[in-house]
Amino acid sequence: MKNKQTLYSAFRFAFKGIAYALTERNFIIDLFFALVVVLAGFVLKISNVEWLAILICIALVLSMEMVNTAIEKTIDLLHPQQNPKAGEIKDIAAGSVLIAVIISGIIGVIIFLPKIFDLLNKS
């Protein structure tokens, strides 16, 4: 029977995973855009409900990027040689990130575009 890991160990492993994600190019790009969006939210004074939508989108994109990375690393481990099915799995995982990014972008446009237009009209 396996020993149950401690809560401390579980958190330690989770933070280790986040630290690893911070070495991945795509995760860093997503994080950069998340920070830009957060700054824009402060500058444009978005509402609490808009903040909730933005934070959910950021969490979704960053989480999907990490799941995609985990899937890609698993496939690379199981099939280090070229394999069409392995490629399909990796493409589907990457597609899930793309869907999250597109929908998040649409939500961002819905939230920020009217505020940007208002700001420009006041100038």
N, C-alpha and C. Protein backbone atom coordinates (compact mmCIF):
# COMPACT_ATOMS: atom_id res chain seq x y z
N MET A 1 0.83 -1.18 0.00
CA MET A 1 0.00 0.00 0.00
C MET A 1 0.88 1.26 0.00
N LYS A 2 0.49 2.24 -0.83
CA LYS A 2 1.27 3.47 -0.94
C LYS A 2 1.06 4.33 0.30
N ASN A 3 2.14 5.02 0.68
CA ASN A 3 2.03 6.01 1.75
C ASN A 3 1.36 7.25 1.19
N LYS A 4 0.47 7.84 1.98
CA LYS A 4 -0.14 9.09 1.55
C LYS A 4 0.88 10.21 1.72
N GLN A 5 0.95 11.09 0.71
CA GLN A 5 1.88 12.20 0.83
C GLN A 5 1.26 13.26 1.75
N THR A 6 2.11 13.99 2.37
CA THR A 6 1.64 15.05 3.27
C THR A 6 1.12 16.22 2.45
N LEU A 7 0.32 17.03 3.10
CA LEU A 7 -0.19 18.23 2.44
C LEU A 7 0.97 19.14 2.02
N TYR A 8 1.97 19.22 2.88
CA TYR A 8 3.16 20.00 2.58
C TYR A 8 3.83 19.49 1.30
N SER A 9 3.97 18.16 1.18
CA SER A 9 4.60 17.58 -0.01
C SER A 9 3.78 17.87 -1.26
N ALA A 10 2.47 17.77 -1.12
CA ALA A 10 1.59 18.02 -2.27
C ALA A 10 1.78 19.46 -2.77
N PHE A 11 1.82 20.40 -1.84
CA PHE A 11 2.03 21.80 -2.24
C PHE A 11 3.43 22.00 -2.80
N ARG A 12 4.41 21.36 -2.20
CA ARG A 12 5.78 21.49 -2.68
C ARG A 12 5.89 21.00 -4.12
N PHE A 13 5.28 19.85 -4.43
CA PHE A 13 5.32 19.32 -5.80
C PHE A 13 4.56 20.24 -6.76
N ALA A 14 3.44 20.79 -6.30
CA ALA A 14 2.67 21.69 -7.16
C ALA A 14 3.47 22.95 -7.48
N PHE A 15 4.11 23.52 -6.48
CA PHE A 15 4.94 24.71 -6.73
C PHE A 15 6.14 24.37 -7.61
N LYS A 16 6.65 23.17 -7.47
CA LYS A 16 7.75 22.72 -8.34
C LYS A 16 7.26 22.67 -9.80
N GLY A 17 6.03 22.22 -10.00
CA GLY A 17 5.45 22.21 -11.34
C GLY A 17 5.29 23.60 -11.91
N ILE A 18 4.83 24.53 -11.08
CA ILE A 18 4.70 25.91 -11.53
C ILE A 18 6.07 26.49 -11.87
N ALA A 19 7.06 26.20 -11.04
CA ALA A 19 8.42 26.68 -11.31
C ALA A 19 8.92 26.12 -12.63
N TYR A 20 8.63 24.86 -12.91
CA TYR A 20 9.04 24.29 -14.19
C TYR A 20 8.32 25.00 -15.34
N ALA A 21 7.03 25.26 -15.17
CA ALA A 21 6.27 25.94 -16.23
C ALA A 21 6.89 27.30 -16.54
N LEU A 22 7.45 27.94 -15.53
CA LEU A 22 8.07 29.26 -15.73
C LEU A 22 9.33 29.20 -16.59
N THR A 23 9.78 28.00 -16.92
CA THR A 23 10.93 27.85 -17.82
C THR A 23 10.48 27.60 -19.26
N GLU A 24 9.17 27.43 -19.46
CA GLU A 24 8.64 27.14 -20.79
C GLU A 24 8.29 28.43 -21.53
N ARG A 25 8.75 28.55 -22.76
CA ARG A 25 8.56 29.76 -23.57
C ARG A 25 7.08 30.17 -23.66
N ASN A 26 6.21 29.25 -24.03
CA ASN A 26 4.80 29.60 -24.23
C ASN A 26 4.15 30.06 -22.94
N PHE A 27 4.50 29.44 -21.83
CA PHE A 27 3.95 29.85 -20.53
C PHE A 27 4.41 31.26 -20.20
N ILE A 28 5.65 31.57 -20.47
CA ILE A 28 6.18 32.91 -20.20
C ILE A 28 5.47 33.95 -21.07
N ILE A 29 5.22 33.61 -22.32
CA ILE A 29 4.48 34.51 -23.22
C ILE A 29 3.08 34.75 -22.67
N ASP A 30 2.40 33.67 -22.27
CA ASP A 30 1.05 33.80 -21.71
C ASP A 30 1.07 34.64 -20.44
N LEU A 31 2.06 34.44 -19.61
CA LEU A 31 2.19 35.19 -18.36
C LEU A 31 2.43 36.67 -18.65
N PHE A 32 3.24 36.97 -19.66
CA PHE A 32 3.49 38.36 -20.05
C PHE A 32 2.17 39.04 -20.42
N PHE A 33 1.37 38.38 -21.28
CA PHE A 33 0.11 38.98 -21.70
C PHE A 33 -0.87 39.09 -20.54
N ALA A 34 -0.82 38.14 -19.62
CA ALA A 34 -1.66 38.21 -18.42
C ALA A 34 -1.31 39.46 -17.61
N LEU A 35 -0.02 39.73 -17.47
CA LEU A 35 0.41 40.91 -16.72
C LEU A 35 -0.01 42.20 -17.43
N VAL A 36 0.07 42.21 -18.75
CA VAL A 36 -0.37 43.38 -19.52
C VAL A 36 -1.86 43.61 -19.30
N VAL A 37 -2.64 42.53 -19.33
CA VAL A 37 -4.09 42.64 -19.14
C VAL A 37 -4.41 43.13 -17.72
N VAL A 38 -3.70 42.63 -16.73
CA VAL A 38 -3.92 43.08 -15.35
C VAL A 38 -3.61 44.57 -15.22
N LEU A 39 -2.50 45.01 -15.80
CA LEU A 39 -2.17 46.44 -15.77
C LEU A 39 -3.25 47.27 -16.47
N ALA A 40 -3.72 46.78 -17.61
CA ALA A 40 -4.78 47.48 -18.34
C ALA A 40 -6.05 47.54 -17.49
N GLY A 41 -6.32 46.48 -16.76
CA GLY A 41 -7.49 46.48 -15.88
C GLY A 41 -7.42 47.56 -14.82
N PHE A 42 -6.23 47.75 -14.24
CA PHE A 42 -6.06 48.81 -13.25
C PHE A 42 -6.18 50.19 -13.89
N VAL A 43 -5.53 50.37 -15.03
CA VAL A 43 -5.54 51.67 -15.71
C VAL A 43 -6.96 52.03 -16.15
N LEU A 44 -7.69 51.07 -16.69
CA LEU A 44 -9.03 51.34 -17.22
C LEU A 44 -10.14 51.16 -16.19
N LYS A 45 -9.75 50.83 -14.96
CA LYS A 45 -10.69 50.73 -13.84
C LYS A 45 -11.88 49.81 -14.17
N ILE A 46 -11.58 48.57 -14.50
CA ILE A 46 -12.66 47.63 -14.80
C ILE A 46 -13.42 47.27 -13.52
N SER A 47 -14.65 46.82 -13.69
CA SER A 47 -15.52 46.52 -12.55
C SER A 47 -15.12 45.18 -11.90
N ASN A 48 -15.70 44.92 -10.74
CA ASN A 48 -15.43 43.64 -10.06
C ASN A 48 -15.84 42.44 -10.90
N VAL A 49 -16.95 42.52 -11.57
CA VAL A 49 -17.41 41.41 -12.42
C VAL A 49 -16.45 41.23 -13.59
N GLU A 50 -15.98 42.32 -14.15
CA GLU A 50 -15.01 42.25 -15.24
C GLU A 50 -13.70 41.64 -14.74
N TRP A 51 -13.30 42.01 -13.52
CA TRP A 51 -12.09 41.40 -12.93
C TRP A 51 -12.26 39.89 -12.81
N LEU A 52 -13.43 39.47 -12.37
CA LEU A 52 -13.67 38.03 -12.24
C LEU A 52 -13.50 37.33 -13.59
N ALA A 53 -14.08 37.90 -14.63
CA ALA A 53 -13.97 37.31 -15.97
C ALA A 53 -12.50 37.27 -16.42
N ILE A 54 -11.78 38.36 -16.20
CA ILE A 54 -10.38 38.42 -16.61
C ILE A 54 -9.55 37.40 -15.85
N LEU A 55 -9.73 37.33 -14.54
CA LEU A 55 -8.95 36.38 -13.73
C LEU A 55 -9.27 34.93 -14.07
N ILE A 56 -10.52 34.64 -14.37
CA ILE A 56 -10.88 33.29 -14.81
C ILE A 56 -10.20 32.97 -16.14
N CYS A 57 -10.20 33.92 -17.05
CA CYS A 57 -9.54 33.71 -18.35
C CYS A 57 -8.03 33.48 -18.17
N ILE A 58 -7.41 34.29 -17.31
CA ILE A 58 -5.97 34.12 -17.08
C ILE A 58 -5.69 32.75 -16.49
N ALA A 59 -6.47 32.37 -15.49
CA ALA A 59 -6.28 31.05 -14.86
C ALA A 59 -6.50 29.93 -15.88
N LEU A 60 -7.51 30.08 -16.73
CA LEU A 60 -7.79 29.06 -17.74
C LEU A 60 -6.63 28.90 -18.72
N VAL A 61 -6.14 30.02 -19.24
CA VAL A 61 -5.06 29.96 -20.24
C VAL A 61 -3.78 29.39 -19.63
N LEU A 62 -3.40 29.89 -18.44
CA LEU A 62 -2.17 29.41 -17.81
C LEU A 62 -2.28 27.93 -17.44
N SER A 63 -3.44 27.53 -16.93
CA SER A 63 -3.64 26.12 -16.58
C SER A 63 -3.63 25.23 -17.82
N MET A 64 -4.29 25.67 -18.87
CA MET A 64 -4.30 24.88 -20.10
C MET A 64 -2.90 24.75 -20.68
N GLU A 65 -2.12 25.82 -20.57
CA GLU A 65 -0.73 25.76 -21.06
C GLU A 65 0.06 24.72 -20.28
N MET A 66 -0.16 24.67 -18.97
CA MET A 66 0.55 23.68 -18.15
C MET A 66 0.09 22.25 -18.47
N VAL A 67 -1.21 22.06 -18.66
CA VAL A 67 -1.73 20.73 -19.02
C VAL A 67 -1.18 20.32 -20.38
N ASN A 68 -1.15 21.26 -21.32
CA ASN A 68 -0.58 20.98 -22.64
C ASN A 68 0.88 20.55 -22.52
N THR A 69 1.65 21.25 -21.71
CA THR A 69 3.06 20.90 -21.52
C THR A 69 3.18 19.51 -20.91
N ALA A 70 2.34 19.20 -19.92
CA ALA A 70 2.38 17.88 -19.29
C ALA A 70 2.05 16.78 -20.30
N ILE A 71 1.06 17.03 -21.14
CA ILE A 71 0.69 16.05 -22.16
C ILE A 71 1.83 15.86 -23.15
N GLU A 72 2.42 16.96 -23.62
CA GLU A 72 3.52 16.87 -24.57
C GLU A 72 4.72 16.12 -23.97
N LYS A 73 5.06 16.42 -22.71
CA LYS A 73 6.18 15.72 -22.06
C LYS A 73 5.88 14.23 -21.90
N THR A 74 4.64 13.90 -21.58
CA THR A 74 4.25 12.49 -21.43
C THR A 74 4.35 11.77 -22.76
N ILE A 75 3.85 12.38 -23.82
CA ILE A 75 3.91 11.77 -25.15
C ILE A 75 5.36 11.59 -25.58
N ASP A 76 6.20 12.60 -25.34
CA ASP A 76 7.62 12.50 -25.69
C ASP A 76 8.29 11.36 -24.93
N LEU A 77 7.89 11.16 -23.69
CA LEU A 77 8.46 10.09 -22.88
C LEU A 77 8.02 8.72 -23.39
N LEU A 78 6.74 8.60 -23.73
CA LEU A 78 6.20 7.32 -24.17
C LEU A 78 6.56 6.98 -25.61
N HIS A 79 6.67 8.01 -26.44
CA HIS A 79 6.97 7.80 -27.87
C HIS A 79 8.05 8.78 -28.31
N PRO A 80 9.31 8.54 -27.94
CA PRO A 80 10.37 9.48 -28.33
C PRO A 80 10.58 9.54 -29.85
N GLN A 81 10.21 8.48 -30.54
CA GLN A 81 10.32 8.48 -32.00
C GLN A 81 9.07 9.14 -32.60
N GLN A 82 9.17 9.57 -33.85
CA GLN A 82 8.04 10.17 -34.54
C GLN A 82 6.91 9.16 -34.63
N ASN A 83 5.70 9.60 -34.30
CA ASN A 83 4.53 8.74 -34.36
C ASN A 83 3.33 9.62 -34.71
N PRO A 84 2.61 9.29 -35.79
CA PRO A 84 1.49 10.14 -36.21
C PRO A 84 0.42 10.29 -35.13
N LYS A 85 0.11 9.24 -34.43
CA LYS A 85 -0.91 9.32 -33.37
C LYS A 85 -0.42 10.19 -32.22
N ALA A 86 0.85 10.08 -31.87
CA ALA A 86 1.42 10.93 -30.82
C ALA A 86 1.34 12.39 -31.25
N GLY A 87 1.61 12.65 -32.52
CA GLY A 87 1.51 14.01 -33.04
C GLY A 87 0.09 14.54 -32.96
N GLU A 88 -0.90 13.68 -33.25
CA GLU A 88 -2.30 14.10 -33.16
C GLU A 88 -2.66 14.48 -31.72
N ILE A 89 -2.21 13.67 -30.77
CA ILE A 89 -2.49 13.95 -29.36
C ILE A 89 -1.89 15.30 -28.97
N LYS A 90 -0.67 15.54 -29.36
CA LYS A 90 -0.01 16.80 -29.03
C LYS A 90 -0.72 17.98 -29.71
N ASP A 91 -1.16 17.79 -30.95
CA ASP A 91 -1.87 18.86 -31.66
C ASP A 91 -3.21 19.17 -30.99
N ILE A 92 -3.92 18.14 -30.54
CA ILE A 92 -5.19 18.36 -29.85
C ILE A 92 -4.97 19.13 -28.56
N ALA A 93 -3.93 18.76 -27.81
CA ALA A 93 -3.62 19.46 -26.56
C ALA A 93 -3.28 20.92 -26.85
N ALA A 94 -2.50 21.17 -27.88
CA ALA A 94 -2.15 22.55 -28.25
C ALA A 94 -3.40 23.31 -28.70
N GLY A 95 -4.28 22.63 -29.40
CA GLY A 95 -5.53 23.25 -29.84
C GLY A 95 -6.40 23.68 -28.67
N SER A 96 -6.36 22.92 -27.58
CA SER A 96 -7.15 23.31 -26.41
C SER A 96 -6.65 24.62 -25.82
N VAL A 97 -5.35 24.83 -25.86
CA VAL A 97 -4.79 26.10 -25.38
C VAL A 97 -5.23 27.22 -26.31
N LEU A 98 -5.17 26.97 -27.61
CA LEU A 98 -5.56 27.98 -28.59
C LEU A 98 -7.02 28.41 -28.40
N ILE A 99 -7.91 27.45 -28.15
CA ILE A 99 -9.32 27.79 -27.92
C ILE A 99 -9.44 28.68 -26.68
N ALA A 100 -8.74 28.33 -25.61
CA ALA A 100 -8.78 29.15 -24.39
C ALA A 100 -8.27 30.55 -24.66
N VAL A 101 -7.20 30.67 -25.45
CA VAL A 101 -6.64 31.99 -25.77
C VAL A 101 -7.60 32.80 -26.63
N ILE A 102 -8.22 32.18 -27.62
CA ILE A 102 -9.15 32.90 -28.51
C ILE A 102 -10.36 33.40 -27.73
N ILE A 103 -10.97 32.54 -26.93
CA ILE A 103 -12.14 32.95 -26.16
C ILE A 103 -11.76 34.02 -25.14
N SER A 104 -10.60 33.87 -24.50
CA SER A 104 -10.13 34.88 -23.55
C SER A 104 -9.89 36.21 -24.26
N GLY A 105 -9.35 36.16 -25.47
CA GLY A 105 -9.14 37.37 -26.25
C GLY A 105 -10.45 38.06 -26.58
N ILE A 106 -11.46 37.28 -26.93
CA ILE A 106 -12.79 37.85 -27.23
C ILE A 106 -13.37 38.51 -25.99
N ILE A 107 -13.23 37.84 -24.84
CA ILE A 107 -13.71 38.42 -23.59
C ILE A 107 -12.95 39.70 -23.28
N GLY A 108 -11.64 39.70 -23.51
CA GLY A 108 -10.85 40.91 -23.31
C GLY A 108 -11.31 42.06 -24.19
N VAL A 109 -11.61 41.77 -25.44
CA VAL A 109 -12.09 42.81 -26.36
C VAL A 109 -13.43 43.35 -25.87
N ILE A 110 -14.33 42.47 -25.44
CA ILE A 110 -15.64 42.90 -24.94
C ILE A 110 -15.48 43.82 -23.73
N ILE A 111 -14.55 43.50 -22.86
CA ILE A 111 -14.35 44.29 -21.65
C ILE A 111 -13.58 45.58 -21.92
N PHE A 112 -12.49 45.49 -22.66
CA PHE A 112 -11.58 46.63 -22.78
C PHE A 112 -11.90 47.60 -23.92
N LEU A 113 -12.41 47.12 -25.03
CA LEU A 113 -12.62 48.01 -26.18
C LEU A 113 -13.55 49.19 -25.86
N PRO A 114 -14.71 48.96 -25.23
CA PRO A 114 -15.56 50.14 -24.91
C PRO A 114 -14.84 51.13 -23.98
N LYS A 115 -14.05 50.64 -23.05
CA LYS A 115 -13.33 51.53 -22.13
C LYS A 115 -12.25 52.32 -22.87
N ILE A 116 -11.60 51.68 -23.82
CA ILE A 116 -10.59 52.38 -24.63
C ILE A 116 -11.25 53.44 -25.49
N PHE A 117 -12.41 53.11 -26.10
CA PHE A 117 -13.14 54.09 -26.91
C PHE A 117 -13.59 55.27 -26.04
N ASP A 118 -14.10 55.01 -24.85
CA ASP A 118 -14.50 56.07 -23.94
C ASP A 118 -13.31 56.98 -23.61
N LEU A 119 -12.17 56.36 -23.34
CA LEU A 119 -10.96 57.12 -23.00
C LEU A 119 -10.54 58.01 -24.17
N LEU A 120 -10.61 57.47 -25.39
CA LEU A 120 -10.22 58.25 -26.57
C LEU A 120 -11.21 59.36 -26.86
N ASN A 121 -12.49 59.13 -26.61
CA ASN A 121 -13.51 60.15 -26.87
C ASN A 121 -13.43 61.30 -25.88
N LYS A 122 -12.92 61.04 -24.68
CA LYS A 122 -12.77 62.10 -23.66
C LYS A 122 -11.56 62.98 -23.94
N SER A 123 -10.64 62.50 -24.77
CA SER A 123 -9.40 63.27 -25.05
C SER A 123 -9.64 64.40 -25.98
